[in-house]
Structures are given as C-alpha cells and as structure tokens.
PDB file of all heavy atoms in Angstrom:
ATOM      1  N   ASP A   1      13.820  83.953 153.849  1.00  0.00           N
ATOM      2  CA  ASP A   1      13.937  82.631 153.231  1.00  0.00           C
ATOM      3  C   ASP A   1      13.795  81.576 154.332  1.00  0.00           C
ATOM      4  O   ASP A   1      14.717  81.386 155.122  1.00  0.00           O
ATOM      5  CB  ASP A   1      15.292  82.512 152.540  1.00  0.00           C
ATOM      6  CG  ASP A   1      15.535  81.146 151.927  1.00  0.00           C
ATOM      7  OD1 ASP A   1      14.614  80.296 151.940  1.00  0.00           O
ATOM      8  OD2 ASP A   1      16.656  80.928 151.419  1.00  0.00           O
ATOM      9  N   PRO A   2      12.645  80.887 154.406  1.00  0.00           N
ATOM     10  CA  PRO A   2      12.436  79.898 155.471  1.00  0.00           C
ATOM     11  C   PRO A   2      13.452  78.756 155.466  1.00  0.00           C
ATOM     12  O   PRO A   2      13.595  78.062 156.465  1.00  0.00           O
ATOM     13  CB  PRO A   2      11.022  79.365 155.194  1.00  0.00           C
ATOM     14  CG  PRO A   2      10.357  80.421 154.388  1.00  0.00           C
ATOM     15  CD  PRO A   2      11.446  81.059 153.578  1.00  0.00           C
ATOM     16  N   SER A   3      14.186  78.575 154.358  1.00  0.00           N
ATOM     17  CA  SER A   3      15.182  77.502 154.328  1.00  0.00           C
ATOM     18  C   SER A   3      16.522  77.935 154.928  1.00  0.00           C
ATOM     19  O   SER A   3      17.417  77.112 155.098  1.00  0.00           O
ATOM     20  CB  SER A   3      15.389  77.019 152.888  1.00  0.00           C
ATOM     21  OG  SER A   3      15.990  78.032 152.107  1.00  0.00           O
ATOM     22  N   GLN A   4      16.648  79.237 155.261  1.00  0.00           N
ATOM     23  CA  GLN A   4      17.902  79.702 155.871  1.00  0.00           C
ATOM     24  C   GLN A   4      18.031  79.110 157.272  1.00  0.00           C
ATOM     25  O   GLN A   4      17.045  78.702 157.874  1.00  0.00           O
ATOM     26  CB  GLN A   4      17.967  81.233 155.899  1.00  0.00           C
ATOM     27  CG  GLN A   4      17.119  81.891 156.975  1.00  0.00           C
ATOM     28  CD  GLN A   4      17.140  83.418 156.888  1.00  0.00           C
ATOM     29  OE1 GLN A   4      17.168  83.991 155.813  1.00  0.00           O
ATOM     30  NE2 GLN A   4      17.122  84.055 158.032  1.00  0.00           N
ATOM     31  N   PRO A   5      19.253  79.031 157.808  1.00  0.00           N
ATOM     32  CA  PRO A   5      19.446  78.475 159.150  1.00  0.00           C
ATOM     33  C   PRO A   5      18.598  79.230 160.187  1.00  0.00           C
ATOM     34  O   PRO A   5      18.421  80.445 160.097  1.00  0.00           O
ATOM     35  CB  PRO A   5      20.935  78.677 159.432  1.00  0.00           C
ATOM     36  CG  PRO A   5      21.558  78.843 158.084  1.00  0.00           C
ATOM     37  CD  PRO A   5      20.501  79.459 157.208  1.00  0.00           C
ATOM     38  N   ASP A   6      18.080  78.487 161.143  1.00  0.00           N
ATOM     39  CA  ASP A   6      17.250  79.074 162.200  1.00  0.00           C
ATOM     40  C   ASP A   6      18.161  79.555 163.332  1.00  0.00           C
ATOM     41  O   ASP A   6      18.230  78.956 164.389  1.00  0.00           O
ATOM     42  CB  ASP A   6      16.245  78.035 162.707  1.00  0.00           C
ATOM     43  CG  ASP A   6      15.260  78.616 163.702  1.00  0.00           C
ATOM     44  OD1 ASP A   6      15.212  79.854 163.850  1.00  0.00           O
ATOM     45  OD2 ASP A   6      14.552  77.829 164.335  1.00  0.00           O
ATOM     46  N   ASP A   7      18.860  80.659 163.078  1.00  0.00           N
ATOM     47  CA  ASP A   7      19.833  81.161 164.043  1.00  0.00           C
ATOM     48  C   ASP A   7      19.573  82.612 164.451  1.00  0.00           C
ATOM     49  O   ASP A   7      20.473  83.304 164.920  1.00  0.00           O
ATOM     50  CB  ASP A   7      21.253  81.014 163.489  1.00  0.00           C
ATOM     51  CG  ASP A   7      21.466  81.784 162.188  1.00  0.00           C
ATOM     52  OD1 ASP A   7      20.489  82.357 161.647  1.00  0.00           O
ATOM     53  OD2 ASP A   7      22.616  81.805 161.706  1.00  0.00           O
ATOM     54  N   ALA A   8      18.330  83.065 164.286  1.00  0.00           N
ATOM     55  CA  ALA A   8      18.000  84.459 164.627  1.00  0.00           C
ATOM     56  C   ALA A   8      18.345  84.814 166.076  1.00  0.00           C
ATOM     57  O   ALA A   8      18.904  85.886 166.314  1.00  0.00           O
ATOM     58  CB  ALA A   8      16.536  84.752 164.316  1.00  0.00           C
ATOM     59  N   PRO A   9      18.033  83.955 167.064  1.00  0.00           N
ATOM     60  CA  PRO A   9      18.389  84.342 168.443  1.00  0.00           C
ATOM     61  C   PRO A   9      19.877  84.630 168.611  1.00  0.00           C
ATOM     62  O   PRO A   9      20.245  85.602 169.279  1.00  0.00           O
ATOM     63  CB  PRO A   9      17.954  83.135 169.276  1.00  0.00           C
ATOM     64  CG  PRO A   9      16.845  82.526 168.470  1.00  0.00           C
ATOM     65  CD  PRO A   9      17.265  82.709 167.032  1.00  0.00           C
ATOM     66  N   GLU A  10      20.718  83.826 167.999  1.00  0.00           N
ATOM     67  CA  GLU A  10      22.159  84.049 168.105  1.00  0.00           C
ATOM     68  C   GLU A  10      22.565  85.338 167.378  1.00  0.00           C
ATOM     69  O   GLU A  10      23.404  86.089 167.872  1.00  0.00           O
ATOM     70  CB  GLU A  10      22.940  82.859 167.525  1.00  0.00           C
ATOM     71  CG  GLU A  10      22.793  81.576 168.311  1.00  0.00           C
ATOM     72  CD  GLU A  10      21.516  80.796 167.986  1.00  0.00           C
ATOM     73  OE1 GLU A  10      20.789  81.140 167.009  1.00  0.00           O
ATOM     74  OE2 GLU A  10      21.211  79.850 168.737  1.00  0.00           O
ATOM     75  N   ARG A  11      21.960  85.590 166.236  1.00  0.00           N
ATOM     76  CA  ARG A  11      22.289  86.787 165.463  1.00  0.00           C
ATOM     77  C   ARG A  11      21.836  88.075 166.158  1.00  0.00           C
ATOM     78  O   ARG A  11      22.356  89.145 165.883  1.00  0.00           O
ATOM     79  CB  ARG A  11      21.643  86.720 164.082  1.00  0.00           C
ATOM     80  CG  ARG A  11      22.249  85.713 163.159  1.00  0.00           C
ATOM     81  CD  ARG A  11      21.453  85.670 161.864  1.00  0.00           C
ATOM     82  NE  ARG A  11      22.041  84.803 160.893  1.00  0.00           N
ATOM     83  CZ  ARG A  11      22.306  85.172 159.638  1.00  0.00           C
ATOM     84  NH1 ARG A  11      22.011  86.388 159.229  1.00  0.00           N
ATOM     85  NH2 ARG A  11      22.838  84.326 158.807  1.00  0.00           N
ATOM     86  N   LEU A  12      20.842  87.951 167.041  1.00  0.00           N
ATOM     87  CA  LEU A  12      20.286  89.140 167.702  1.00  0.00           C
ATOM     88  C   LEU A  12      20.736  89.299 169.151  1.00  0.00           C
ATOM     89  O   LEU A  12      20.417  90.299 169.793  1.00  0.00           O
ATOM     90  CB  LEU A  12      18.756  89.074 167.644  1.00  0.00           C
ATOM     91  CG  LEU A  12      18.165  89.054 166.231  1.00  0.00           C
ATOM     92  CD1 LEU A  12      16.664  88.814 166.292  1.00  0.00           C
ATOM     93  CD2 LEU A  12      18.496  90.341 165.501  1.00  0.00           C
ATOM     94  N   ALA A  13      21.458  88.348 169.669  1.00  0.00           N
ATOM     95  CA  ALA A  13      21.850  88.359 171.086  1.00  0.00           C
ATOM     96  C   ALA A  13      22.644  89.603 171.480  1.00  0.00           C
ATOM     97  O   ALA A  13      22.617  90.017 172.639  1.00  0.00           O
ATOM     98  CB  ALA A  13      22.646  87.099 171.418  1.00  0.00           C
ATOM     99  N   HIS A  14      23.312  90.232 170.534  1.00  0.00           N
ATOM    100  CA  HIS A  14      24.143  91.404 170.846  1.00  0.00           C
ATOM    101  C   HIS A  14      23.326  92.683 171.036  1.00  0.00           C
ATOM    102  O   HIS A  14      23.878  93.702 171.453  1.00  0.00           O
ATOM    103  CB  HIS A  14      25.178  91.613 169.735  1.00  0.00           C
ATOM    104  CG  HIS A  14      24.581  92.074 168.443  1.00  0.00           C
ATOM    105  ND1 HIS A  14      23.928  91.211 167.578  1.00  0.00           N
ATOM    106  CD2 HIS A  14      24.519  93.312 167.878  1.00  0.00           C
ATOM    107  CE1 HIS A  14      23.497  91.904 166.531  1.00  0.00           C
ATOM    108  NE2 HIS A  14      23.837  93.183 166.684  1.00  0.00           N
ATOM    109  N   LEU A  15      22.024  92.644 170.751  1.00  0.00           N
ATOM    110  CA  LEU A  15      21.201  93.851 170.868  1.00  0.00           C
ATOM    111  C   LEU A  15      20.603  93.954 172.276  1.00  0.00           C
ATOM    112  O   LEU A  15      19.670  93.224 172.609  1.00  0.00           O
ATOM    113  CB  LEU A  15      20.077  93.831 169.818  1.00  0.00           C
ATOM    114  CG  LEU A  15      20.527  93.870 168.368  1.00  0.00           C
ATOM    115  CD1 LEU A  15      19.337  93.697 167.430  1.00  0.00           C
ATOM    116  CD2 LEU A  15      21.255  95.173 168.073  1.00  0.00           C
ATOM    117  N   PRO A  16      21.117  94.868 173.092  1.00  0.00           N
ATOM    118  CA  PRO A  16      20.646  94.956 174.481  1.00  0.00           C
ATOM    119  C   PRO A  16      19.195  95.429 174.598  1.00  0.00           C
ATOM    120  O   PRO A  16      18.570  95.223 175.642  1.00  0.00           O
ATOM    121  CB  PRO A  16      21.608  95.962 175.123  1.00  0.00           C
ATOM    122  CG  PRO A  16      22.123  96.777 173.987  1.00  0.00           C
ATOM    123  CD  PRO A  16      22.145  95.864 172.791  1.00  0.00           C
ATOM    124  N   GLU A  17      18.661  96.023 173.556  1.00  0.00           N
ATOM    125  CA  GLU A  17      17.273  96.496 173.602  1.00  0.00           C
ATOM    126  C   GLU A  17      16.276  95.343 173.587  1.00  0.00           C
ATOM    127  O   GLU A  17      15.114  95.509 173.950  1.00  0.00           O
ATOM    128  CB  GLU A  17      16.983  97.424 172.413  1.00  0.00           C
ATOM    129  CG  GLU A  17      17.785  98.695 172.411  1.00  0.00           C
ATOM    130  CD  GLU A  17      19.129  98.562 171.692  1.00  0.00           C
ATOM    131  OE1 GLU A  17      19.537  97.419 171.329  1.00  0.00           O
ATOM    132  OE2 GLU A  17      19.785  99.601 171.495  1.00  0.00           O
ATOM    133  N   ILE A  18      16.720  94.160 173.166  1.00  0.00           N
ATOM    134  CA  ILE A  18      15.840  92.988 173.155  1.00  0.00           C
ATOM    135  C   ILE A  18      15.854  92.385 174.552  1.00  0.00           C
ATOM    136  O   ILE A  18      16.850  91.827 175.002  1.00  0.00           O
ATOM    137  CB  ILE A  18      16.268  91.953 172.099  1.00  0.00           C
ATOM    138  CG1 ILE A  18      16.214  92.576 170.705  1.00  0.00           C
ATOM    139  CG2 ILE A  18      15.372  90.716 172.179  1.00  0.00           C
ATOM    140  CD1 ILE A  18      16.735  91.676 169.599  1.00  0.00           C
ATOM    141  N   ASP A  19      14.737  92.522 175.232  1.00  0.00           N
ATOM    142  CA  ASP A  19      14.575  92.025 176.601  1.00  0.00           C
ATOM    143  C   ASP A  19      14.383  90.513 176.608  1.00  0.00           C
ATOM    144  O   ASP A  19      14.960  89.809 177.427  1.00  0.00           O
ATOM    145  CB  ASP A  19      13.376  92.734 177.233  1.00  0.00           C
ATOM    146  CG  ASP A  19      13.093  92.318 178.657  1.00  0.00           C
ATOM    147  OD1 ASP A  19      12.545  91.216 178.839  1.00  0.00           O
ATOM    148  OD2 ASP A  19      13.405  93.100 179.573  1.00  0.00           O
ATOM    149  N   SER A  20      13.538  90.003 175.713  1.00  0.00           N
ATOM    150  CA  SER A  20      13.217  88.578 175.661  1.00  0.00           C
ATOM    151  C   SER A  20      13.026  88.148 174.220  1.00  0.00           C
ATOM    152  O   SER A  20      12.617  88.938 173.372  1.00  0.00           O
ATOM    153  CB  SER A  20      11.920  88.284 176.424  1.00  0.00           C
ATOM    154  OG  SER A  20      11.999  88.708 177.761  1.00  0.00           O
ATOM    155  N   CYS A  21      13.302  86.868 173.962  1.00  0.00           N
ATOM    156  CA  CYS A  21      13.112  86.278 172.641  1.00  0.00           C
ATOM    157  C   CYS A  21      12.369  84.967 172.835  1.00  0.00           C
ATOM    158  O   CYS A  21      12.848  84.077 173.535  1.00  0.00           O
ATOM    159  CB  CYS A  21      14.471  86.034 171.985  1.00  0.00           C
ATOM    160  SG  CYS A  21      14.368  85.182 170.386  1.00  0.00           S
ATOM    161  N   TYR A  22      11.183  84.868 172.222  1.00  0.00           N
ATOM    162  CA  TYR A  22      10.334  83.684 172.350  1.00  0.00           C
ATOM    163  C   TYR A  22      10.214  82.985 171.006  1.00  0.00           C
ATOM    164  O   TYR A  22       9.885  83.626 170.012  1.00  0.00           O
ATOM    165  CB  TYR A  22       8.929  84.077 172.820  1.00  0.00           C
ATOM    166  CG  TYR A  22       8.896  84.886 174.082  1.00  0.00           C
ATOM    167  CD1 TYR A  22       8.812  86.275 174.037  1.00  0.00           C
ATOM    168  CD2 TYR A  22       8.946  84.274 175.331  1.00  0.00           C
ATOM    169  CE1 TYR A  22       8.776  87.027 175.197  1.00  0.00           C
ATOM    170  CE2 TYR A  22       8.910  85.024 176.498  1.00  0.00           C
ATOM    171  CZ  TYR A  22       8.827  86.390 176.423  1.00  0.00           C
ATOM    172  OH  TYR A  22       8.791  87.141 177.573  1.00  0.00           O
ATOM    173  N   SER A  23      10.446  81.690 170.973  1.00  0.00           N
ATOM    174  CA  SER A  23      10.161  80.897 169.788  1.00  0.00           C
ATOM    175  C   SER A  23       8.664  80.616 169.821  1.00  0.00           C
ATOM    176  O   SER A  23       8.135  80.166 170.845  1.00  0.00           O
ATOM    177  CB  SER A  23      10.947  79.579 169.840  1.00  0.00           C
ATOM    178  OG  SER A  23      10.600  78.762 168.744  1.00  0.00           O
ATOM    179  N   VAL A  24       7.963  80.905 168.707  1.00  0.00           N
ATOM    180  CA  VAL A  24       6.499  80.806 168.708  1.00  0.00           C
ATOM    181  C   VAL A  24       5.997  79.943 167.557  1.00  0.00           C
ATOM    182  O   VAL A  24       6.681  79.767 166.543  1.00  0.00           O
ATOM    183  CB  VAL A  24       5.837  82.206 168.634  1.00  0.00           C
ATOM    184  CG1 VAL A  24       6.162  83.013 169.880  1.00  0.00           C
ATOM    185  CG2 VAL A  24       6.269  82.962 167.388  1.00  0.00           C
ATOM    186  N   ALA A  25       4.788  79.421 167.715  1.00  0.00           N
ATOM    187  CA  ALA A  25       4.109  78.686 166.656  1.00  0.00           C
ATOM    188  C   ALA A  25       3.299  79.677 165.832  1.00  0.00           C
ATOM    189  O   ALA A  25       2.932  80.751 166.312  1.00  0.00           O
ATOM    190  CB  ALA A  25       3.191  77.629 167.266  1.00  0.00           C
ATOM    191  N   GLY A  26       3.021  79.330 164.598  1.00  0.00           N
ATOM    192  CA  GLY A  26       2.237  80.206 163.734  1.00  0.00           C
ATOM    193  C   GLY A  26       3.077  80.725 162.585  1.00  0.00           C
ATOM    194  O   GLY A  26       4.109  80.155 162.235  1.00  0.00           O
ATOM    195  N   GLU A  27       2.650  81.839 162.017  1.00  0.00           N
ATOM    196  CA  GLU A  27       3.338  82.410 160.853  1.00  0.00           C
ATOM    197  C   GLU A  27       4.730  82.931 161.199  1.00  0.00           C
ATOM    198  O   GLU A  27       5.637  82.866 160.383  1.00  0.00           O
ATOM    199  CB  GLU A  27       2.516  83.551 160.265  1.00  0.00           C
ATOM    200  CG  GLU A  27       1.244  83.113 159.598  1.00  0.00           C
ATOM    201  CD  GLU A  27       0.509  84.290 158.985  1.00  0.00           C
ATOM    202  OE1 GLU A  27       1.181  85.252 158.546  1.00  0.00           O
ATOM    203  OE2 GLU A  27      -0.718  84.238 158.955  1.00  0.00           O
ATOM    204  N   ASP A  28       4.867  83.497 162.387  1.00  0.00           N
ATOM    205  CA  ASP A  28       6.151  84.070 162.787  1.00  0.00           C
ATOM    206  C   ASP A  28       7.024  82.992 163.417  1.00  0.00           C
ATOM    207  O   ASP A  28       6.534  81.967 163.898  1.00  0.00           O
ATOM    208  CB  ASP A  28       5.927  85.225 163.761  1.00  0.00           C
ATOM    209  CG  ASP A  28       5.080  86.320 163.128  1.00  0.00           C
ATOM    210  OD1 ASP A  28       5.399  86.729 162.002  1.00  0.00           O
ATOM    211  OD2 ASP A  28       4.092  86.737 163.755  1.00  0.00           O
ATOM    212  N   PHE A  29       8.324  83.240 163.426  1.00  0.00           N
ATOM    213  CA  PHE A  29       9.260  82.286 164.005  1.00  0.00           C
ATOM    214  C   PHE A  29       9.607  82.655 165.451  1.00  0.00           C
ATOM    215  O   PHE A  29       9.738  81.796 166.302  1.00  0.00           O
ATOM    216  CB  PHE A  29      10.544  82.232 163.170  1.00  0.00           C
ATOM    217  CG  PHE A  29      10.409  81.425 161.911  1.00  0.00           C
ATOM    218  CD1 PHE A  29       9.318  81.578 161.069  1.00  0.00           C
ATOM    219  CD2 PHE A  29      11.372  80.513 161.557  1.00  0.00           C
ATOM    220  CE1 PHE A  29       9.191  80.830 159.908  1.00  0.00           C
ATOM    221  CE2 PHE A  29      11.262  79.766 160.401  1.00  0.00           C
ATOM    222  CZ  PHE A  29      10.167  79.925 159.575  1.00  0.00           C
ATOM    223  N   TYR A  30       9.769  83.968 165.701  1.00  0.00           N
ATOM    224  CA  TYR A  30      10.134  84.444 167.033  1.00  0.00           C
ATOM    225  C   TYR A  30       9.342  85.700 167.355  1.00  0.00           C
ATOM    226  O   TYR A  30       8.970  86.461 166.458  1.00  0.00           O
ATOM    227  CB  TYR A  30      11.636  84.756 167.131  1.00  0.00           C
ATOM    228  CG  TYR A  30      12.490  83.526 167.003  1.00  0.00           C
ATOM    229  CD1 TYR A  30      13.024  83.154 165.782  1.00  0.00           C
ATOM    230  CD2 TYR A  30      12.745  82.720 168.111  1.00  0.00           C
ATOM    231  CE1 TYR A  30      13.784  82.007 165.646  1.00  0.00           C
ATOM    232  CE2 TYR A  30      13.510  81.570 167.985  1.00  0.00           C
ATOM    233  CZ  TYR A  30      14.018  81.217 166.754  1.00  0.00           C
ATOM    234  OH  TYR A  30      14.757  80.081 166.637  1.00  0.00           O
ATOM    235  N   LEU A  31       9.126  85.924 168.635  1.00  0.00           N
ATOM    236  CA  LEU A  31       8.515  87.151 169.120  1.00  0.00           C
ATOM    237  C   LEU A  31       9.511  87.776 170.090  1.00  0.00           C
ATOM    238  O   LEU A  31       9.951  87.126 171.053  1.00  0.00           O
ATOM    239  CB  LEU A  31       7.184  86.855 169.827  1.00  0.00           C
ATOM    240  CG  LEU A  31       6.383  88.057 170.294  1.00  0.00           C
ATOM    241  CD1 LEU A  31       5.957  88.904 169.095  1.00  0.00           C
ATOM    242  CD2 LEU A  31       5.163  87.600 171.071  1.00  0.00           C
ATOM    243  N   LEU A  32       9.877  89.019 169.823  1.00  0.00           N
ATOM    244  CA  LEU A  32      10.868  89.719 170.641  1.00  0.00           C
ATOM    245  C   LEU A  32      10.178  90.776 171.485  1.00  0.00           C
ATOM    246  O   LEU A  32       9.301  91.493 171.003  1.00  0.00           O
ATOM    247  CB  LEU A  32      11.902  90.414 169.737  1.00  0.00           C
ATOM    248  CG  LEU A  32      12.538  89.572 168.635  1.00  0.00           C
ATOM    249  CD1 LEU A  32      13.418  90.447 167.758  1.00  0.00           C
ATOM    250  CD2 LEU A  32      13.316  88.414 169.229  1.00  0.00           C
ATOM    251  N   LEU A  33      10.578  90.896 172.730  1.00  0.00           N
ATOM    252  CA  LEU A  33      10.137  91.988 173.601  1.00  0.00           C
ATOM    253  C   LEU A  33      11.264  93.005 173.602  1.00  0.00           C
ATOM    254  O   LEU A  33      12.402  92.694 173.991  1.00  0.00           O
ATOM    255  CB  LEU A  33       9.872  91.474 175.012  1.00  0.00           C
ATOM    256  CG  LEU A  33       9.546  92.525 176.077  1.00  0.00           C
ATOM    257  CD1 LEU A  33       8.274  93.281 175.720  1.00  0.00           C
ATOM    258  CD2 LEU A  33       9.418  91.864 177.432  1.00  0.00           C
ATOM    259  N   VAL A  34      10.954  94.212 173.137  1.00  0.00           N
ATOM    260  CA  VAL A  34      11.964  95.255 172.954  1.00  0.00           C
ATOM    261  C   VAL A  34      11.631  96.439 173.856  1.00  0.00           C
ATOM    262  O   VAL A  34      10.473  96.841 173.958  1.00  0.00           O
ATOM    263  CB  VAL A  34      11.996  95.705 171.463  1.00  0.00           C
ATOM    264  CG1 VAL A  34      12.922  96.876 171.262  1.00  0.00           C
ATOM    265  CG2 VAL A  34      12.401  94.538 170.578  1.00  0.00           C
ATOM    266  N   ARG A  35      12.648  97.015 174.494  1.00  0.00           N
ATOM    267  CA  ARG A  35      12.471  98.192 175.345  1.00  0.00           C
ATOM    268  C   ARG A  35      13.436  99.273 174.880  1.00  0.00           C
ATOM    269  O   ARG A  35      14.647  99.045 174.813  1.00  0.00           O
ATOM    270  CB  ARG A  35      12.723  97.852 176.799  1.00  0.00           C
ATOM    271  CG  ARG A  35      11.746  96.780 177.307  1.00  0.00           C
ATOM    272  CD  ARG A  35      11.863  96.588 178.793  1.00  0.00           C
ATOM    273  NE  ARG A  35      11.103  95.466 179.270  1.00  0.00           N
ATOM    274  CZ  ARG A  35       9.832  95.498 179.632  1.00  0.00           C
ATOM    275  NH1 ARG A  35       9.149  96.613 179.548  1.00  0.00           N
ATOM    276  NH2 ARG A  35       9.238  94.411 180.087  1.00  0.00           N
ATOM    277  N   VAL A  36      12.867 100.450 174.562  1.00  0.00           N
ATOM    278  CA  VAL A  36      13.672 101.553 174.019  1.00  0.00           C
ATOM    279  C   VAL A  36      13.205 102.887 174.597  1.00  0.00           C
ATOM    280  O   VAL A  36      12.164 102.970 175.245  1.00  0.00           O
ATOM    281  CB  VAL A  36      13.592 101.594 172.470  1.00  0.00           C
ATOM    282  CG1 VAL A  36      14.268 100.395 171.845  1.00  0.00           C
ATOM    283  CG2 VAL A  36      12.152 101.701 172.007  1.00  0.00           C
ATOM    284  N   ALA A  37      13.978 103.933 174.300  1.00  0.00           N
ATOM    285  CA  ALA A  37      13.671 105.270 174.814  1.00  0.00           C
ATOM    286  C   ALA A  37      12.533 105.947 174.056  1.00  0.00           C
ATOM    287  O   ALA A  37      11.797 106.746 174.629  1.00  0.00           O
ATOM    288  CB  ALA A  37      14.921 106.145 174.772  1.00  0.00           C
TER     289      ALA A  37
END
C-alpha cells in the first residue's frame, strides 16, 4: 500500500543480513544489498 508510512528502513534495521539499504527512484522504493550463506 503506497499510502502506508515510509518506514521500511527502520522496520528492517534489525536484519543483519541486509548490508545496505538504498532509497531509489522508479517503481521500487528501496534497494537492499543482502549477504547470506
């Protein structure tokens, strides 16, 4: 729901697998760099 609060970075900050979080232009709101086993 695009009208929901834009708080994804805060909601995802607890996930150590997310190396970086970029706010981006275009269809997507954020691009995450994830590192896993």
